[in-house]
Amino acid sequence: MTTYIIRRLILAAIVLFLVSVFVFVAMRLLPGDPVLMYMSASSVQEITEEQLNMVRHEFGLDKTLPLQYLDWISGVLHGDLGTS
């Protein structure tokens, strides 16, 4: 019985990892720039490229995808689910 529970816990951890990778990749494949969606429609036209890059740096979007995933998953594990 103990081996069954351990095996199921290991499989659950693998499934959770695969689902988290799938969700992360799916969110990154959505069309559009997340920074431009974050900004209001009126401010998008008057914002400069430097300001866009600054906001991308603030949200960590200037990092590579594996680093973004690690930041995201560490935030989720610490209970930081983002800004609502």
PDB file of N, CA and C in Angstrom:
ATOM      1  N   MET A   1       0.820  -1.198   0.000  1.00  0.00           N
ATOM      2  CA  MET A   1       0.000   0.000   0.000  1.00  0.00           C
ATOM      3  C   MET A   1       0.862   1.259   0.000  1.00  0.00           C
ATOM      4  N   THR A   2       1.966   1.229   0.739  1.00  0.00           N
ATOM      5  CA  THR A   2       2.850   2.381   0.805  1.00  0.00           C
ATOM      6  C   THR A   2       3.481   2.666  -0.551  1.00  0.00           C
ATOM      7  N   THR A   3       3.871   1.620  -1.266  1.00  0.00           N
ATOM      8  CA  THR A   3       4.471   1.829  -2.594  1.00  0.00           C
ATOM      9  C   THR A   3       3.456   2.410  -3.561  1.00  0.00           C
ATOM     10  N   TYR A   4       2.197   2.003  -3.428  1.00  0.00           N
ATOM     11  CA  TYR A   4       1.149   2.551  -4.284  1.00  0.00           C
ATOM     12  C   TYR A   4       0.989   4.051  -4.042  1.00  0.00           C
ATOM     13  N   ILE A   5       0.956   4.459  -2.786  1.00  0.00           N
ATOM     14  CA  ILE A   5       0.800   5.875  -2.454  1.00  0.00           C
ATOM     15  C   ILE A   5       1.997   6.677  -2.941  1.00  0.00           C
ATOM     16  N   ILE A   6       3.192   6.157  -2.744  1.00  0.00           N
ATOM     17  CA  ILE A   6       4.405   6.849  -3.206  1.00  0.00           C
ATOM     18  C   ILE A   6       4.399   6.976  -4.726  1.00  0.00           C
ATOM     19  N   ARG A   7       4.013   5.895  -5.403  1.00  0.00           N
ATOM     20  CA  ARG A   7       3.963   5.933  -6.867  1.00  0.00           C
ATOM     21  C   ARG A   7       2.949   6.964  -7.347  1.00  0.00           C
ATOM     22  N   ARG A   8       1.780   7.024  -6.704  1.00  0.00           N
ATOM     23  CA  ARG A   8       0.761   7.999  -7.093  1.00  0.00           C
ATOM     24  C   ARG A   8       1.214   9.437  -6.810  1.00  0.00           C
ATOM     25  N   LEU A   9       1.925   9.655  -5.726  1.00  0.00           N
ATOM     26  CA  LEU A   9       2.442  10.993  -5.430  1.00  0.00           C
ATOM     27  C   LEU A   9       3.485  11.429  -6.453  1.00  0.00           C
ATOM     28  N   ILE A  10       4.341  10.499  -6.859  1.00  0.00           N
ATOM     29  CA  ILE A  10       5.341  10.818  -7.886  1.00  0.00           C
ATOM     30  C   ILE A  10       4.658  11.132  -9.203  1.00  0.00           C
ATOM     31  N   LEU A  11       3.660  10.343  -9.585  1.00  0.00           N
ATOM     32  CA  LEU A  11       2.924  10.617 -10.819  1.00  0.00           C
ATOM     33  C   LEU A  11       2.171  11.942 -10.738  1.00  0.00           C
ATOM     34  N   ALA A  12       1.630  12.260  -9.582  1.00  0.00           N
ATOM     35  CA  ALA A  12       0.930  13.542  -9.411  1.00  0.00           C
ATOM     36  C   ALA A  12       1.895  14.709  -9.566  1.00  0.00           C
ATOM     37  N   ALA A  13       3.106  14.575  -9.039  1.00  0.00           N
ATOM     38  CA  ALA A  13       4.112  15.632  -9.183  1.00  0.00           C
ATOM     39  C   ALA A  13       4.496  15.815 -10.643  1.00  0.00           C
ATOM     40  N   ILE A  14       4.641  14.711 -11.371  1.00  0.00           N
ATOM     41  CA  ILE A  14       4.978  14.798 -12.795  1.00  0.00           C
ATOM     42  C   ILE A  14       3.854  15.461 -13.577  1.00  0.00           C
ATOM     43  N   VAL A  15       2.619  15.091 -13.291  1.00  0.00           N
ATOM     44  CA  VAL A  15       1.468  15.687 -13.980  1.00  0.00           C
ATOM     45  C   VAL A  15       1.377  17.181 -13.676  1.00  0.00           C
ATOM     46  N   LEU A  16       1.565  17.567 -12.427  1.00  0.00           N
ATOM     47  CA  LEU A  16       1.534  18.992 -12.075  1.00  0.00           C
ATOM     48  C   LEU A  16       2.626  19.772 -12.795  1.00  0.00           C
ATOM     49  N   PHE A  17       3.808  19.192 -12.891  1.00  0.00           N
ATOM     50  CA  PHE A  17       4.895  19.849 -13.611  1.00  0.00           C
ATOM     51  C   PHE A  17       4.541  20.020 -15.085  1.00  0.00           C
ATOM     52  N   LEU A  18       4.030  18.960 -15.717  1.00  0.00           N
ATOM     53  CA  LEU A  18       3.681  19.043 -17.138  1.00  0.00           C
ATOM     54  C   LEU A  18       2.544  20.031 -17.387  1.00  0.00           C
ATOM     55  N   VAL A  19       1.574  20.069 -16.507  1.00  0.00           N
ATOM     56  CA  VAL A  19       0.471  21.030 -16.653  1.00  0.00           C
ATOM     57  C   VAL A  19       0.984  22.457 -16.485  1.00  0.00           C
ATOM     58  N   SER A  20       1.894  22.673 -15.543  1.00  0.00           N
ATOM     59  CA  SER A  20       2.427  24.024 -15.355  1.00  0.00           C
ATOM     60  C   SER A  20       3.234  24.470 -16.572  1.00  0.00           C
ATOM     61  N   VAL A  21       4.002  23.557 -17.158  1.00  0.00           N
ATOM     62  CA  VAL A  21       4.756  23.897 -18.378  1.00  0.00           C
ATOM     63  C   VAL A  21       3.786  24.196 -19.518  1.00  0.00           C
ATOM     64  N   PHE A  22       2.741  23.391 -19.652  1.00  0.00           N
ATOM     65  CA  PHE A  22       1.761  23.601 -20.715  1.00  0.00           C
ATOM     66  C   PHE A  22       1.071  24.955 -20.563  1.00  0.00           C
ATOM     67  N   VAL A  23       0.654  25.306 -19.352  1.00  0.00           N
ATOM     68  CA  VAL A  23      -0.015  26.589 -19.120  1.00  0.00           C
ATOM     69  C   VAL A  23       0.931  27.744 -19.409  1.00  0.00           C
ATOM     70  N   PHE A  24       2.181  27.627 -18.962  1.00  0.00           N
ATOM     71  CA  PHE A  24       3.151  28.694 -19.195  1.00  0.00           C
ATOM     72  C   PHE A  24       3.388  28.899 -20.689  1.00  0.00           C
ATOM     73  N   VAL A  25       3.604  27.811 -21.415  1.00  0.00           N
ATOM     74  CA  VAL A  25       3.862  27.919 -22.857  1.00  0.00           C
ATOM     75  C   VAL A  25       2.625  28.430 -23.593  1.00  0.00           C
ATOM     76  N   ALA A  26       1.449  27.971 -23.187  1.00  0.00           N
ATOM     77  CA  ALA A  26       0.218  28.433 -23.830  1.00  0.00           C
ATOM     78  C   ALA A  26       0.033  29.934 -23.646  1.00  0.00           C
ATOM     79  N   MET A  27       0.352  30.441 -22.464  1.00  0.00           N
ATOM     80  CA  MET A  27       0.222  31.879 -22.234  1.00  0.00           C
ATOM     81  C   MET A  27       1.230  32.668 -23.054  1.00  0.00           C
ATOM     82  N   ARG A  28       2.395  32.106 -23.291  1.00  0.00           N
ATOM     83  CA  ARG A  28       3.412  32.807 -24.080  1.00  0.00           C
ATOM     84  C   ARG A  28       3.120  32.746 -25.578  1.00  0.00           C
ATOM     85  N   LEU A  29       2.326  31.773 -26.015  1.00  0.00           N
ATOM     86  CA  LEU A  29       2.007  31.647 -27.433  1.00  0.00           C
ATOM     87  C   LEU A  29       0.817  32.499 -27.865  1.00  0.00           C
ATOM     88  N   LEU A  30       0.119  33.094 -26.910  1.00  0.00           N
ATOM     89  CA  LEU A  30      -1.007  33.950 -27.260  1.00  0.00           C
ATOM     90  C   LEU A  30      -0.519  35.134 -28.091  1.00  0.00           C
ATOM     91  N   PRO A  31      -1.295  35.536 -29.082  1.00  0.00           N
ATOM     92  CA  PRO A  31      -0.858  36.652 -29.917  1.00  0.00           C
ATOM     93  C   PRO A  31      -0.898  37.977 -29.157  1.00  0.00           C
ATOM     94  N   GLY A  32      -0.026  38.869 -29.553  1.00  0.00           N
ATOM     95  CA  GLY A  32       0.014  40.187 -28.949  1.00  0.00           C
ATOM     96  C   GLY A  32       1.102  40.315 -27.905  1.00  0.00           C
ATOM     97  N   ASP A  33       1.426  41.548 -27.619  1.00  0.00           N
ATOM     98  CA  ASP A  33       2.443  41.859 -26.618  1.00  0.00           C
ATOM     99  C   ASP A  33       1.762  42.064 -25.270  1.00  0.00           C
ATOM    100  N   PRO A  34       2.143  41.315 -24.240  1.00  0.00           N
ATOM    101  CA  PRO A  34       1.495  41.475 -22.940  1.00  0.00           C
ATOM    102  C   PRO A  34       1.631  42.882 -22.374  1.00  0.00           C
ATOM    103  N   VAL A  35       2.722  43.555 -22.686  1.00  0.00           N
ATOM    104  CA  VAL A  35       2.924  44.914 -22.173  1.00  0.00           C
ATOM    105  C   VAL A  35       1.915  45.869 -22.797  1.00  0.00           C
ATOM    106  N   LEU A  36       1.681  45.723 -24.103  1.00  0.00           N
ATOM    107  CA  LEU A  36       0.717  46.595 -24.771  1.00  0.00           C
ATOM    108  C   LEU A  36      -0.704  46.312 -24.293  1.00  0.00           C
ATOM    109  N   MET A  37      -0.988  45.063 -23.948  1.00  0.00           N
ATOM    110  CA  MET A  37      -2.318  44.742 -23.410  1.00  0.00           C
ATOM    111  C   MET A  37      -2.481  45.295 -22.007  1.00  0.00           C
ATOM    112  N   TYR A  38      -1.386  45.407 -21.274  1.00  0.00           N
ATOM    113  CA  TYR A  38      -1.414  45.940 -19.915  1.00  0.00           C
ATOM    114  C   TYR A  38      -1.690  47.437 -19.910  1.00  0.00           C
ATOM    115  N   MET A  39      -1.138  48.133 -20.899  1.00  0.00           N
ATOM    116  CA  MET A  39      -1.312  49.584 -20.995  1.00  0.00           C
ATOM    117  C   MET A  39      -2.718  49.910 -21.464  1.00  0.00           C
ATOM    118  N   SER A  40      -3.169  51.092 -21.134  1.00  0.00           N
ATOM    119  CA  SER A  40      -4.462  51.534 -21.639  1.00  0.00           C
ATOM    120  C   SER A  40      -4.322  51.966 -23.094  1.00  0.00           C
ATOM    121  N   ALA A  41      -5.420  51.987 -23.803  1.00  0.00           N
ATOM    122  CA  ALA A  41      -5.402  52.300 -25.234  1.00  0.00           C
ATOM    123  C   ALA A  41      -4.882  53.704 -25.504  1.00  0.00           C
ATOM    124  N   SER A  42      -5.159  54.640 -24.632  1.00  0.00           N
ATOM    125  CA  SER A  42      -4.717  56.015 -24.861  1.00  0.00           C
ATOM    126  C   SER A  42      -3.216  56.166 -24.620  1.00  0.00           C
ATOM    127  N   SER A  43      -2.667  55.423 -23.675  1.00  0.00           N
ATOM    128  CA  SER A  43      -1.247  55.584 -23.367  1.00  0.00           C
ATOM    129  C   SER A  43      -0.348  54.806 -24.318  1.00  0.00           C
ATOM    130  N   VAL A  44      -0.887  53.857 -25.070  1.00  0.00           N
ATOM    131  CA  VAL A  44      -0.064  53.069 -25.992  1.00  0.00           C
ATOM    132  C   VAL A  44       0.486  53.952 -27.107  1.00  0.00           C
ATOM    133  N   GLN A  45      -0.287  54.908 -27.560  1.00  0.00           N
ATOM    134  CA  GLN A  45       0.139  55.739 -28.679  1.00  0.00           C
ATOM    135  C   GLN A  45       1.213  56.742 -28.284  1.00  0.00           C
ATOM    136  N   GLU A  46       1.263  57.125 -27.034  1.00  0.00           N
ATOM    137  CA  GLU A  46       2.239  58.136 -26.624  1.00  0.00           C
ATOM    138  C   GLU A  46       3.402  57.571 -25.808  1.00  0.00           C
ATOM    139  N   ILE A  47       3.510  56.263 -25.705  1.00  0.00           N
ATOM    140  CA  ILE A  47       4.602  55.661 -24.941  1.00  0.00           C
ATOM    141  C   ILE A  47       5.798  55.419 -25.866  1.00  0.00           C
ATOM    142  N   THR A  48       6.992  55.603 -25.330  1.00  0.00           N
ATOM    143  CA  THR A  48       8.203  55.418 -26.122  1.00  0.00           C
ATOM    144  C   THR A  48       8.717  53.984 -25.988  1.00  0.00           C
ATOM    145  N   GLU A  49       9.635  53.626 -26.852  1.00  0.00           N
ATOM    146  CA  GLU A  49      10.225  52.289 -26.829  1.00  0.00           C
ATOM    147  C   GLU A  49      11.009  52.056 -25.532  1.00  0.00           C
ATOM    148  N   GLU A  50      11.645  53.102 -25.031  1.00  0.00           N
ATOM    149  CA  GLU A  50      12.375  52.986 -23.760  1.00  0.00           C
ATOM    150  C   GLU A  50      11.425  52.651 -22.617  1.00  0.00           C
ATOM    151  N   GLN A  51      10.265  53.291 -22.594  1.00  0.00           N
ATOM    152  CA  GLN A  51       9.287  53.024 -21.548  1.00  0.00           C
ATOM    153  C   GLN A  51       8.735  51.603 -21.671  1.00  0.00           C
ATOM    154  N   LEU A  52       8.522  51.146 -22.914  1.00  0.00           N
ATOM    155  CA  LEU A  52       8.071  49.764 -23.127  1.00  0.00           C
ATOM    156  C   LEU A  52       9.103  48.774 -22.602  1.00  0.00           C
ATOM    157  N   ASN A  53      10.370  49.029 -22.910  1.00  0.00           N
ATOM    158  CA  ASN A  53      11.432  48.146 -22.430  1.00  0.00           C
ATOM    159  C   ASN A  53      11.542  48.167 -20.914  1.00  0.00           C
ATOM    160  N   MET A  54      11.286  49.322 -20.309  1.00  0.00           N
ATOM    161  CA  MET A  54      11.336  49.430 -18.854  1.00  0.00           C
ATOM    162  C   MET A  54      10.211  48.591 -18.213  1.00  0.00           C
ATOM    163  N   VAL A  55       9.019  48.636 -18.808  1.00  0.00           N
ATOM    164  CA  VAL A  55       7.904  47.852 -18.291  1.00  0.00           C
ATOM    165  C   VAL A  55       8.166  46.358 -18.512  1.00  0.00           C
ATOM    166  N   ARG A  56       8.744  46.005 -19.673  1.00  0.00           N
ATOM    167  CA  ARG A  56       9.097  44.597 -19.921  1.00  0.00           C
ATOM    168  C   ARG A  56      10.096  44.103 -18.884  1.00  0.00           C
ATOM    169  N   HIS A  57      11.057  44.954 -18.525  1.00  0.00           N
ATOM    170  CA  HIS A  57      12.040  44.581 -17.510  1.00  0.00           C
ATOM    171  C   HIS A  57      11.372  44.437 -16.135  1.00  0.00           C
ATOM    172  N   GLU A  58      10.425  45.322 -15.844  1.00  0.00           N
ATOM    173  CA  GLU A  58       9.713  45.271 -14.564  1.00  0.00           C
ATOM    174  C   GLU A  58       8.950  43.959 -14.414  1.00  0.00           C
ATOM    175  N   PHE A  59       8.342  43.480 -15.499  1.00  0.00           N
ATOM    176  CA  PHE A  59       7.580  42.236 -15.459  1.00  0.00           C
ATOM    177  C   PHE A  59       8.435  41.006 -15.753  1.00  0.00           C
ATOM    178  N   GLY A  60       9.716  41.196 -16.066  1.00  0.00           N
ATOM    179  CA  GLY A  60      10.603  40.068 -16.327  1.00  0.00           C
ATOM    180  C   GLY A  60      10.462  39.484 -17.716  1.00  0.00           C
ATOM    181  N   LEU A  61       9.850  40.218 -18.635  1.00  0.00           N
ATOM    182  CA  LEU A  61       9.640  39.710 -19.991  1.00  0.00           C
ATOM    183  C   LEU A  61      10.874  39.848 -20.869  1.00  0.00           C
ATOM    184  N   ASP A  62      11.933  40.460 -20.339  1.00  0.00           N
ATOM    185  CA  ASP A  62      13.167  40.586 -21.101  1.00  0.00           C
ATOM    186  C   ASP A  62      14.103  39.407 -20.858  1.00  0.00           C
ATOM    187  N   LYS A  63      13.715  38.489 -19.972  1.00  0.00           N
ATOM    188  CA  LYS A  63      14.528  37.316 -19.682  1.00  0.00           C
ATOM    189  C   LYS A  63      14.199  36.194 -20.673  1.00  0.00           C
ATOM    190  N   THR A  64      15.035  35.165 -20.672  1.00  0.00           N
ATOM    191  CA  THR A  64      14.762  34.015 -21.533  1.00  0.00           C
ATOM    192  C   THR A  64      13.560  33.241 -20.991  1.00  0.00           C
ATOM    193  N   LEU A  65      12.951  32.406 -21.832  1.00  0.00           N
ATOM    194  CA  LEU A  65      11.766  31.663 -21.414  1.00  0.00           C
ATOM    195  C   LEU A  65      12.019  30.736 -20.224  1.00  0.00           C
ATOM    196  N   PRO A  66      13.147  29.999 -20.187  1.00  0.00           N
ATOM    197  CA  PRO A  66      13.368  29.167 -18.992  1.00  0.00           C
ATOM    198  C   PRO A  66      13.479  29.988 -17.703  1.00  0.00           C
ATOM    199  N   LEU A  67      14.109  31.151 -17.762  1.00  0.00           N
ATOM    200  CA  LEU A  67      14.199  31.999 -16.571  1.00  0.00           C
ATOM    201  C   LEU A  67      12.839  32.578 -16.194  1.00  0.00           C
ATOM    202  N   GLN A  68      12.040  32.928 -17.205  1.00  0.00           N
ATOM    203  CA  GLN A  68      10.689  33.409 -16.928  1.00  0.00           C
ATOM    204  C   GLN A  68       9.866  32.317 -16.268  1.00  0.00           C
ATOM    205  N   TYR A  69      10.019  31.068 -16.737  1.00  0.00           N
ATOM    206  CA  TYR A  69       9.283  29.954 -16.136  1.00  0.00           C
ATOM    207  C   TYR A  69       9.707  29.747 -14.683  1.00  0.00           C
ATOM    208  N   LEU A  70      11.002  29.784 -14.434  1.00  0.00           N
ATOM    209  CA  LEU A  70      11.480  29.591 -13.064  1.00  0.00           C
ATOM    210  C   LEU A  70      10.973  30.697 -12.141  1.00  0.00           C
ATOM    211  N   ASP A  71      10.975  31.943 -12.625  1.00  0.00           N
ATOM    212  CA  ASP A  71      10.432  33.043 -11.824  1.00  0.00           C
ATOM    213  C   ASP A  71       8.942  32.846 -11.555  1.00  0.00           C
ATOM    214  N   TRP A  72       8.229  32.419 -12.594  1.00  0.00           N
ATOM    215  CA  TRP A  72       6.783  32.225 -12.478  1.00  0.00           C
ATOM    216  C   TRP A  72       6.461  31.091 -11.510  1.00  0.00           C
ATOM    217  N   ILE A  73       7.136  29.960 -11.656  1.00  0.00           N
ATOM    218  CA  ILE A  73       6.836  28.806 -10.813  1.00  0.00           C
ATOM    219  C   ILE A  73       7.264  29.069  -9.365  1.00  0.00           C
ATOM    220  N   SER A  74       8.360  29.808  -9.168  1.00  0.00           N
ATOM    221  CA  SER A  74       8.751  30.127  -7.790  1.00  0.00           C
ATOM    222  C   SER A  74       7.730  31.069  -7.150  1.00  0.00           C
ATOM    223  N   GLY A  75       7.179  31.987  -7.929  1.00  0.00           N
ATOM    224  CA  GLY A  75       6.128  32.853  -7.409  1.00  0.00           C
ATOM    225  C   GLY A  75       4.876  32.068  -7.053  1.00  0.00           C
ATOM    226  N   VAL A  76       4.505  31.121  -7.901  1.00  0.00           N
ATOM    227  CA  VAL A  76       3.327  30.299  -7.630  1.00  0.00           C
ATOM    228  C   VAL A  76       3.542  29.463  -6.368  1.00  0.00           C
ATOM    229  N   LEU A  77       4.725  28.889  -6.212  1.00  0.00           N
ATOM    230  CA  LEU A  77       5.007  28.071  -5.038  1.00  0.00           C
ATOM    231  C   LEU A  77       5.048  28.891  -3.750  1.00  0.00           C
ATOM    232  N   HIS A  78       5.344  30.184  -3.877  1.00  0.00           N
ATOM    233  CA  HIS A  78       5.346  31.060  -2.707  1.00  0.00           C
ATOM    234  C   HIS A  78       3.998  31.731  -2.481  1.00  0.00           C
ATOM    235  N   GLY A  79       3.017  31.421  -3.317  1.00  0.00           N
ATOM    236  CA  GLY A  79       1.688  31.984  -3.150  1.00  0.00           C
ATOM    237  C   GLY A  79       1.465  33.293  -3.874  1.00  0.00           C
ATOM    238  N   ASP A  80       2.431  33.733  -4.671  1.00  0.00           N
ATOM    239  CA  ASP A  80       2.299  34.960  -5.441  1.00  0.00           C
ATOM    240  C   ASP A  80       1.651  34.625  -6.781  1.00  0.00           C
ATOM    241  N   LEU A  81       0.353  34.846  -6.880  1.00  0.00           N
ATOM    242  CA  LEU A  81      -0.363  34.500  -8.096  1.00  0.00           C
ATOM    243  C   LEU A  81      -0.546  35.689  -9.031  1.00  0.00           C
ATOM    244  N   GLY A  82       0.168  36.766  -8.778  1.00  0.00           N
ATOM    245  CA  GLY A  82       0.116  37.915  -9.660  1.00  0.00           C
ATOM    246  C   GLY A  82      -0.796  39.016  -9.136  1.00  0.00           C
ATOM    247  N   THR A  83      -0.937  40.038  -9.943  1.00  0.00           N
ATOM    248  CA  THR A  83      -1.768  41.183  -9.601  1.00  0.00           C
ATOM    249  C   THR A  83      -3.122  41.018 -10.231  1.00  0.00           C
ATOM    250  N   SER A  84      -4.165  41.253  -9.464  1.00  0.00           N
ATOM    251  CA  SER A  84      -5.514  41.128 -10.038  1.00  0.00           C
ATOM    252  C   SER A  84      -6.020  42.482 -10.495  1.00  0.00           C
TER     253      SER A  84
END
